[in-house]
Amino acid sequence: MLKLTKGLSAPQPFRWTCSLFHDVCDAGSFEGRNLILVNGNLVEMPPPNPPHNLALTLADEILRAIFRPGYFVRNQMALELNEQTDTVPDLAMIRGQPRDLANSQATTAALVLEMSDSTLAYDTTTKVEL
């Protein structure tokens, strides 16, 4: 539930948390939108196009083939880097087994891959810095 801050004397930017972001998404409020959370700000990403999807599929196959047991691939799923950042990378190699995340989100990755064409400038600056 969203609580308003009492006693503000001046306008303040509202920073989203991962928890609030996920609650609002789960309620269907952002249905049909491709949003990520970066440093408390909602960022709408363009929909993937066929070259992006092809690159994602091929990279996924390669990673599954070369990483040893004890790692698994997450494909376009949450990666909560801190309380206000959930980047949803295209691919993330996570240490452990998929069931390790049955009740939580991934917070670290051994390797993160982004497939970029229309979002290249954003992915190679803001996202890579995260």
Protein backbone atom coordinates (compact mmCIF):
# COMPACT_ATOMS: atom_id res chain seq x y z
CA MET A 1 0.00 0.00 0.00
CA LEU A 2 1.27 3.46 -0.90
CA LYS A 3 1.62 5.80 2.08
CA LEU A 4 2.00 9.53 1.71
CA THR A 5 4.74 11.31 3.61
CA LYS A 6 3.42 13.76 6.20
CA GLY A 7 5.06 17.02 7.02
CA LEU A 8 6.67 17.82 3.67
CA SER A 9 7.52 21.50 3.44
CA ALA A 10 8.52 21.45 -0.24
CA PRO A 11 7.83 19.26 -3.28
CA GLN A 12 9.95 16.11 -3.31
CA PRO A 13 10.54 13.61 -6.10
CA PHE A 14 8.91 10.26 -5.45
CA ARG A 15 11.33 7.33 -5.66
CA TRP A 16 9.89 3.91 -6.35
CA THR A 17 11.13 0.86 -4.48
CA CYS A 18 11.36 -2.61 -6.02
CA SER A 19 8.69 -3.84 -3.62
CA LEU A 20 6.21 -1.12 -4.58
CA PHE A 21 7.06 -1.50 -8.27
CA HIS A 22 6.36 -5.24 -8.15
CA ASP A 23 3.13 -4.74 -6.18
CA VAL A 24 1.80 -2.22 -8.72
CA CYS A 25 2.87 -4.45 -11.64
CA ASP A 26 1.24 -7.49 -10.02
CA ALA A 27 -1.99 -5.51 -9.65
CA GLY A 28 -2.02 -5.03 -13.44
CA SER A 29 -1.58 -1.27 -13.37
CA PHE A 30 1.22 -1.32 -15.94
CA GLU A 31 -0.13 -4.11 -18.13
CA GLY A 32 1.12 -3.89 -21.70
CA ARG A 33 4.05 -1.65 -20.75
CA ASN A 34 7.69 -2.71 -20.71
CA LEU A 35 8.98 -0.96 -17.59
CA ILE A 36 12.17 -1.27 -15.60
CA LEU A 37 13.10 0.47 -12.37
CA VAL A 38 16.41 2.36 -12.31
CA ASN A 39 17.46 4.31 -9.22
CA GLY A 40 13.84 4.77 -8.16
CA ASN A 41 12.68 5.97 -11.58
CA LEU A 42 10.37 4.09 -13.93
CA VAL A 43 11.87 3.72 -17.40
CA GLU A 44 9.73 2.52 -20.30
CA MET A 45 11.66 0.42 -22.78
CA PRO A 46 10.59 -0.08 -26.40
CA PRO A 47 9.26 -3.52 -27.33
CA PRO A 48 11.83 -5.98 -28.64
CA ASN A 49 12.04 -6.39 -32.41
CA PRO A 50 12.90 -9.53 -34.43
CA PRO A 51 16.71 -8.92 -34.56
CA HIS A 52 16.71 -8.44 -30.77
CA ASN A 53 14.72 -11.63 -30.26
CA LEU A 54 17.04 -13.61 -32.54
CA ALA A 55 20.15 -12.35 -30.73
CA LEU A 56 18.55 -13.16 -27.38
CA THR A 57 17.67 -16.71 -28.45
CA LEU A 58 21.12 -17.42 -29.89
CA ALA A 59 22.95 -15.98 -26.87
CA ASP A 60 20.73 -18.00 -24.54
CA GLU A 61 21.64 -21.22 -26.39
CA ILE A 62 25.36 -20.40 -26.25
CA LEU A 63 25.34 -19.58 -22.53
CA ARG A 64 23.49 -22.78 -21.65
CA ALA A 65 26.07 -24.76 -23.61
CA ILE A 66 29.23 -23.20 -22.14
CA PHE A 67 28.42 -22.54 -18.48
CA ARG A 68 29.15 -25.37 -16.10
CA PRO A 69 26.63 -26.92 -13.71
CA GLY A 70 25.91 -24.67 -10.77
CA TYR A 71 24.77 -21.78 -12.96
CA PHE A 72 21.53 -21.15 -14.79
CA VAL A 73 20.22 -18.63 -17.31
CA ARG A 74 17.46 -16.16 -16.49
CA ASN A 75 15.85 -14.72 -19.60
CA GLN A 76 14.35 -11.22 -19.19
CA MET A 77 13.62 -11.61 -15.47
CA ALA A 78 14.06 -9.36 -12.46
CA LEU A 79 17.55 -8.57 -11.19
CA GLU A 80 17.19 -6.38 -8.09
CA LEU A 81 20.52 -4.63 -7.74
CA ASN A 82 19.38 -2.54 -4.79
CA GLU A 83 16.17 -1.39 -3.12
CA GLN A 84 15.35 0.97 -6.01
CA THR A 85 16.75 -0.80 -9.08
CA ASP A 86 15.28 -3.76 -10.96
CA THR A 87 16.88 -3.76 -14.39
CA VAL A 88 15.35 -6.90 -15.97
CA PRO A 89 18.39 -7.70 -18.13
CA ASP A 90 17.96 -9.68 -21.33
CA LEU A 91 20.08 -12.54 -19.98
CA ALA A 92 21.67 -13.13 -16.61
CA MET A 93 23.83 -16.05 -15.54
CA ILE A 94 22.98 -16.78 -11.93
CA ARG A 95 24.96 -18.98 -9.55
CA GLY A 96 22.94 -21.80 -8.05
CA GLN A 97 19.79 -23.56 -9.19
CA PRO A 98 16.51 -22.05 -10.42
CA ARG A 99 14.66 -23.27 -7.31
CA ASP A 100 17.00 -21.19 -5.16
CA LEU A 101 14.87 -18.20 -6.23
CA ALA A 102 11.49 -19.78 -5.55
CA ASN A 103 10.63 -17.08 -2.99
CA SER A 104 12.90 -14.19 -3.94
CA GLN A 105 14.39 -12.23 -6.81
CA ALA A 106 17.96 -12.52 -8.03
CA THR A 107 20.21 -9.79 -6.64
CA THR A 108 23.54 -10.72 -8.24
CA ALA A 109 24.68 -12.31 -11.47
CA ALA A 110 27.93 -13.82 -12.71
CA LEU A 111 27.29 -12.35 -16.16
CA VAL A 112 24.68 -10.01 -17.61
CA LEU A 113 23.99 -9.61 -21.33
CA GLU A 114 21.92 -6.94 -23.05
CA MET A 115 20.91 -7.23 -26.69
CA SER A 116 20.81 -3.71 -28.06
CA ASP A 117 19.73 -2.04 -31.22
CA SER A 118 17.12 0.64 -30.50
CA THR A 119 18.33 1.05 -26.87
CA LEU A 120 22.08 0.94 -27.53
CA ALA A 121 22.85 4.40 -26.12
CA TYR A 122 20.92 3.72 -22.90
CA ASP A 123 22.29 0.19 -22.48
CA THR A 124 25.91 1.26 -22.97
CA THR A 125 25.70 4.17 -20.51
CA THR A 126 23.09 4.06 -17.76
CA LYS A 127 22.48 0.32 -17.69
CA VAL A 128 26.11 -0.76 -17.96
CA GLU A 129 27.02 1.50 -15.02
CA LEU A 130 24.59 -0.42 -12.82
